[in-house]
Amino acid sequence: MDNFKLIIVEDVPLELKGTEGIVRHEIPEAEIIGTAADEASYWRLLKQQQPDLVLLDLGLGGSTTVGVEICRQTKELNKAIKILIFTGEILNEKLWVDVLDAGADGIILKSGELLTRRDVQAVMEGKQLVFNEPILKKIVERFKRMVTSQLARQEALINYEIDEYDERFLRHLALGYTKEQITGLRGMPFGVKSLEKRQNELVRKLFPTAESVNATRLVVRALQLRILDIDNLEPDAD
């Protein structure tokens, strides 16, 4: 890893001292050209000298949005500046998404392994989305759940013989559409009576022993069986 210039943005003096210690002992290639405890100090530093990397805390002065905006505006000014988030916001997952959308090159949570030379090197060498173990563990857990859910849905579609029109019909029922509105969807080649017949057939498939099932109960059953994905209940595009 080549030598590079670094700005540290951290508003807690004790944590700043700890971060500086990590950098000086573990990352000798880094030249700390300045530190900032707030937004104004950071922009003053940036006008004086351009860093190669900004090590950015998110919770500045009690605000979690300041760090996100620093990231966004820095990337708008100079995309070449690498921004590695080093934050104690270990539970605020929405904040992680916001800062990644703002252009951050990675997120290191202040727990577990903390900041390592390996992570910094990965960012400086152009690797995108560098994370340390605590956040990687959460990402992997979410990924496994997503894949398991998708497989369960595929199996349900096959096992209950659900075709494209069944899925569209059930999904729009779940969204509150009437049968009359569903018949007006692009590419839906059924009238109201045909949809009623299709609904009865779906009831037969999903409730083989029930005599009477309304649309609401049918939709709930489709959600329970993963035929419908509750996280992706979107109407068809116009």
Protein backbone atom coordinates (compact mmCIF):
# COMPACT_ATOMS: atom_id res chain seq x y z
CA MET A 1 0.00 0.00 0.00
CA ASP A 2 1.35 3.42 -0.99
CA ASN A 3 1.55 6.33 1.43
CA PHE A 4 -1.61 8.41 1.58
CA LYS A 5 -3.09 11.47 3.31
CA LEU A 6 -5.83 11.04 5.88
CA ILE A 7 -8.39 13.24 7.63
CA ILE A 8 -10.14 11.85 10.71
CA VAL A 9 -13.61 13.21 11.54
CA GLU A 10 -14.51 12.37 15.15
CA ASP A 11 -16.17 14.51 17.83
CA VAL A 12 -15.36 12.43 20.95
CA PRO A 13 -11.81 13.30 22.13
CA LEU A 14 -11.14 9.91 23.72
CA GLU A 15 -12.29 8.04 20.62
CA LEU A 16 -10.26 10.38 18.41
CA LYS A 17 -7.16 9.61 20.46
CA GLY A 18 -7.83 5.89 20.13
CA THR A 19 -8.35 6.15 16.38
CA GLU A 20 -5.16 8.14 15.94
CA GLY A 21 -3.33 5.47 17.91
CA ILE A 22 -4.67 2.69 15.70
CA VAL A 23 -3.65 4.58 12.56
CA ARG A 24 -0.14 5.42 13.78
CA HIS A 25 0.62 1.90 15.06
CA GLU A 26 -1.21 -0.24 12.50
CA ILE A 27 -1.21 1.85 9.32
CA PRO A 28 2.20 3.53 8.94
CA GLU A 29 1.43 4.48 5.32
CA ALA A 30 -1.21 6.96 6.55
CA GLU A 31 -0.24 10.59 7.12
CA ILE A 32 -2.85 12.27 9.32
CA ILE A 33 -3.09 15.76 7.81
CA GLY A 34 -5.87 16.91 10.14
CA THR A 35 -8.72 16.02 12.44
CA ALA A 36 -12.17 17.57 12.70
CA ALA A 37 -14.74 17.43 15.46
CA ASP A 38 -17.57 19.03 13.49
CA GLU A 39 -18.75 19.86 9.99
CA ALA A 40 -17.31 23.38 9.87
CA SER A 41 -13.85 22.20 10.93
CA TYR A 42 -13.94 19.49 8.30
CA TRP A 43 -14.74 21.86 5.43
CA ARG A 44 -11.96 24.20 6.54
CA LEU A 45 -9.51 21.30 6.45
CA LEU A 46 -10.71 20.21 3.05
CA LYS A 47 -10.08 23.68 1.61
CA GLN A 48 -6.50 23.63 2.91
CA GLN A 49 -5.45 20.19 1.67
CA GLN A 50 -7.06 17.33 -0.21
CA PRO A 51 -6.90 13.95 1.56
CA ASP A 52 -6.83 10.58 -0.15
CA LEU A 53 -9.01 9.08 2.57
CA VAL A 54 -11.53 10.44 5.08
CA LEU A 55 -12.14 8.31 8.15
CA LEU A 56 -15.61 9.53 9.06
CA ASP A 57 -17.66 9.10 12.22
CA LEU A 58 -21.41 9.50 11.64
CA GLY A 59 -22.69 10.69 15.02
CA LEU A 60 -21.30 14.21 15.15
CA GLY A 61 -22.60 16.57 17.82
CA GLY A 62 -25.49 14.25 18.58
CA SER A 63 -26.68 14.27 14.96
CA THR A 64 -26.55 11.17 12.78
CA THR A 65 -27.34 13.01 9.56
CA VAL A 66 -24.31 15.33 9.55
CA GLY A 67 -21.92 12.51 8.72
CA VAL A 68 -24.13 11.33 5.86
CA GLU A 69 -24.19 14.82 4.36
CA ILE A 70 -20.41 15.21 4.76
CA CYS A 71 -20.02 11.97 2.83
CA ARG A 72 -22.46 12.99 0.10
CA GLN A 73 -21.04 16.45 -0.42
CA THR A 74 -17.42 15.26 -0.34
CA LYS A 75 -18.14 12.71 -3.06
CA GLU A 76 -19.93 15.36 -5.11
CA LEU A 77 -16.86 17.61 -4.87
CA ASN A 78 -14.27 14.91 -5.53
CA LYS A 79 -15.20 11.27 -6.20
CA ALA A 80 -11.52 10.29 -5.95
CA ILE A 81 -11.53 10.87 -2.18
CA LYS A 82 -12.14 7.58 -0.41
CA ILE A 83 -14.55 7.67 2.52
CA LEU A 84 -14.45 4.94 5.12
CA ILE A 85 -17.11 5.18 7.81
CA PHE A 86 -15.85 4.38 11.32
CA THR A 87 -18.90 4.58 13.53
CA GLY A 88 -20.38 3.56 16.84
CA GLU A 89 -23.87 3.57 15.30
CA ILE A 90 -24.00 -0.21 15.54
CA LEU A 91 -27.80 -0.58 15.60
CA ASN A 92 -28.93 2.13 13.18
CA GLU A 93 -29.18 0.08 9.99
CA LYS A 94 -31.13 2.80 8.17
CA LEU A 95 -28.13 5.07 8.70
CA TRP A 96 -25.84 2.50 7.08
CA VAL A 97 -28.08 2.43 4.02
CA ASP A 98 -28.17 6.24 3.86
CA VAL A 99 -24.40 6.60 3.97
CA LEU A 100 -23.86 3.87 1.37
CA ASP A 101 -26.32 5.71 -0.88
CA ALA A 102 -24.27 8.84 -0.22
CA GLY A 103 -21.21 7.15 -1.73
CA ALA A 104 -19.27 5.70 1.20
CA ASP A 105 -16.61 3.15 0.22
CA GLY A 106 -17.20 1.03 3.31
CA ILE A 107 -18.41 0.87 6.90
CA ILE A 108 -16.37 -0.22 9.90
CA LEU A 109 -18.41 -0.60 13.09
CA LYS A 110 -16.74 0.28 16.39
CA SER A 111 -17.17 -3.22 17.73
CA GLY A 112 -15.46 -6.53 17.21
CA GLU A 113 -12.26 -6.25 15.18
CA LEU A 114 -12.41 -2.44 14.86
CA LEU A 115 -10.25 -0.76 12.23
CA THR A 116 -7.55 -2.87 10.59
CA ARG A 117 -4.80 -2.21 8.07
CA ARG A 118 -6.39 -4.81 5.83
CA ASP A 119 -9.67 -2.88 5.64
CA VAL A 120 -7.94 0.42 4.93
CA GLN A 121 -5.75 -1.17 2.28
CA ALA A 122 -8.80 -2.65 0.57
CA VAL A 123 -10.40 0.80 0.36
CA MET A 124 -7.22 2.49 -0.87
CA GLU A 125 -6.78 -0.15 -3.56
CA GLY A 126 -10.24 0.56 -4.92
CA LYS A 127 -12.34 -2.20 -3.39
CA GLN A 128 -15.92 -1.09 -2.95
CA LEU A 129 -18.12 -1.78 0.05
CA VAL A 130 -15.54 -2.74 2.66
CA PHE A 131 -17.11 -3.95 5.91
CA ASN A 132 -15.75 -5.41 9.13
CA GLU A 133 -17.01 -8.58 10.79
CA PRO A 134 -19.96 -7.21 12.83
CA ILE A 135 -21.69 -5.70 9.81
CA LEU A 136 -20.67 -8.59 7.51
CA LYS A 137 -22.34 -11.02 9.91
CA LYS A 138 -25.61 -9.10 9.66
CA ILE A 139 -25.36 -8.91 5.87
CA VAL A 140 -24.79 -12.67 5.60
CA GLU A 141 -27.69 -13.44 7.95
CA ARG A 142 -30.03 -11.25 5.89
CA PHE A 143 -28.78 -12.84 2.67
CA LYS A 144 -29.40 -16.35 3.99
CA ARG A 145 -32.93 -15.43 5.09
CA MET A 146 -33.65 -13.85 1.71
CA VAL A 147 -32.46 -16.90 -0.22
CA THR A 148 -34.40 -19.26 2.05
CA SER A 149 -37.54 -17.17 1.56
CA GLN A 150 -37.11 -17.13 -2.23
CA LEU A 151 -36.65 -20.91 -2.33
CA ALA A 152 -39.74 -21.41 -0.18
CA ARG A 153 -41.73 -19.19 -2.53
CA GLN A 154 -40.54 -21.08 -5.62
CA GLU A 155 -41.48 -24.38 -4.00
CA ALA A 156 -44.93 -23.05 -3.07
CA LEU A 157 -45.58 -21.84 -6.63
CA ILE A 158 -44.71 -25.30 -7.94
CA ASN A 159 -46.44 -27.35 -5.25
CA TYR A 160 -49.73 -25.41 -5.49
CA GLU A 161 -49.54 -24.99 -9.28
CA ILE A 162 -49.66 -21.20 -9.14
CA ASP A 163 -49.23 -19.57 -12.54
CA GLU A 164 -48.43 -15.95 -13.44
CA TYR A 165 -52.07 -14.89 -13.50
CA ASP A 166 -52.80 -16.52 -10.13
CA GLU A 167 -49.88 -14.61 -8.59
CA ARG A 168 -50.95 -11.31 -10.15
CA PHE A 169 -54.54 -11.85 -9.07
CA LEU A 170 -53.60 -12.68 -5.46
CA ARG A 171 -51.04 -9.86 -5.25
CA HIS A 172 -53.53 -7.22 -6.36
CA LEU A 173 -56.20 -8.61 -4.04
CA ALA A 174 -53.66 -8.18 -1.24
CA LEU A 175 -53.15 -4.58 -2.33
CA GLY A 176 -56.88 -3.86 -2.07
CA TYR A 177 -57.83 -4.00 -5.75
CA THR A 178 -61.35 -5.08 -6.64
CA LYS A 179 -61.91 -7.75 -9.26
CA GLU A 180 -63.17 -5.05 -11.62
CA GLN A 181 -59.90 -3.15 -11.20
CA ILE A 182 -57.85 -6.30 -11.70
CA THR A 183 -59.57 -7.03 -15.01
CA GLY A 184 -58.32 -3.64 -16.19
CA LEU A 185 -54.65 -4.48 -15.60
CA ARG A 186 -52.49 -4.57 -18.69
CA GLY A 187 -52.23 -8.09 -20.07
CA MET A 188 -54.89 -9.53 -17.75
CA PRO A 189 -57.16 -11.48 -20.16
CA PHE A 190 -60.01 -12.21 -17.74
CA GLY A 191 -63.36 -10.73 -16.93
CA VAL A 192 -64.90 -10.60 -13.47
CA LYS A 193 -66.63 -13.98 -13.80
CA SER A 194 -63.40 -15.62 -14.92
CA LEU A 195 -61.60 -14.14 -11.91
CA GLU A 196 -64.30 -15.44 -9.59
CA LYS A 197 -63.82 -18.89 -11.10
CA ARG A 198 -60.04 -18.55 -10.67
CA GLN A 199 -60.55 -17.49 -7.04
CA ASN A 200 -62.65 -20.57 -6.38
CA GLU A 201 -59.95 -22.73 -7.94
CA LEU A 202 -57.30 -21.10 -5.72
CA VAL A 203 -59.47 -21.76 -2.67
CA ARG A 204 -59.66 -25.41 -3.68
CA LYS A 205 -55.87 -25.60 -3.96
CA LEU A 206 -55.01 -23.72 -0.78
CA PHE A 207 -57.95 -24.90 1.38
CA PRO A 208 -58.71 -28.44 0.20
CA THR A 209 -61.09 -29.17 3.09
CA ALA A 210 -62.81 -25.78 3.49
CA GLU A 211 -66.23 -25.07 2.02
CA SER A 212 -66.28 -21.27 2.06
CA VAL A 213 -63.27 -18.92 2.06
CA ASN A 214 -63.41 -15.18 1.34
CA ALA A 215 -60.79 -13.15 -0.53
CA THR A 216 -59.15 -11.82 2.63
CA ARG A 217 -58.58 -15.29 4.08
CA LEU A 218 -57.30 -16.47 0.70
CA VAL A 219 -54.72 -13.68 0.57
CA VAL A 220 -53.60 -14.38 4.15
CA ARG A 221 -53.12 -18.03 3.24
CA ALA A 222 -51.07 -17.07 0.18
CA LEU A 223 -48.83 -14.93 2.38
CA GLN A 224 -48.43 -17.72 4.93
CA LEU A 225 -47.43 -20.18 2.20
CA ARG A 226 -44.95 -17.65 0.71
CA ILE A 227 -46.86 -17.63 -2.57
CA LEU A 228 -46.90 -13.87 -2.06
CA ASP A 229 -43.80 -12.03 -0.85
CA ILE A 230 -44.95 -9.57 1.79
CA ASP A 231 -41.82 -7.46 1.25
CA ASN A 232 -42.53 -7.08 -2.47
CA LEU A 233 -46.23 -6.36 -2.69
CA GLU A 234 -46.15 -3.89 -5.54
CA PRO A 235 -48.81 -3.32 -8.21
CA ASP A 236 -48.03 -4.00 -11.83
CA ALA A 237 -46.47 -1.09 -13.67
CA ASP A 238 -48.92 0.89 -15.77
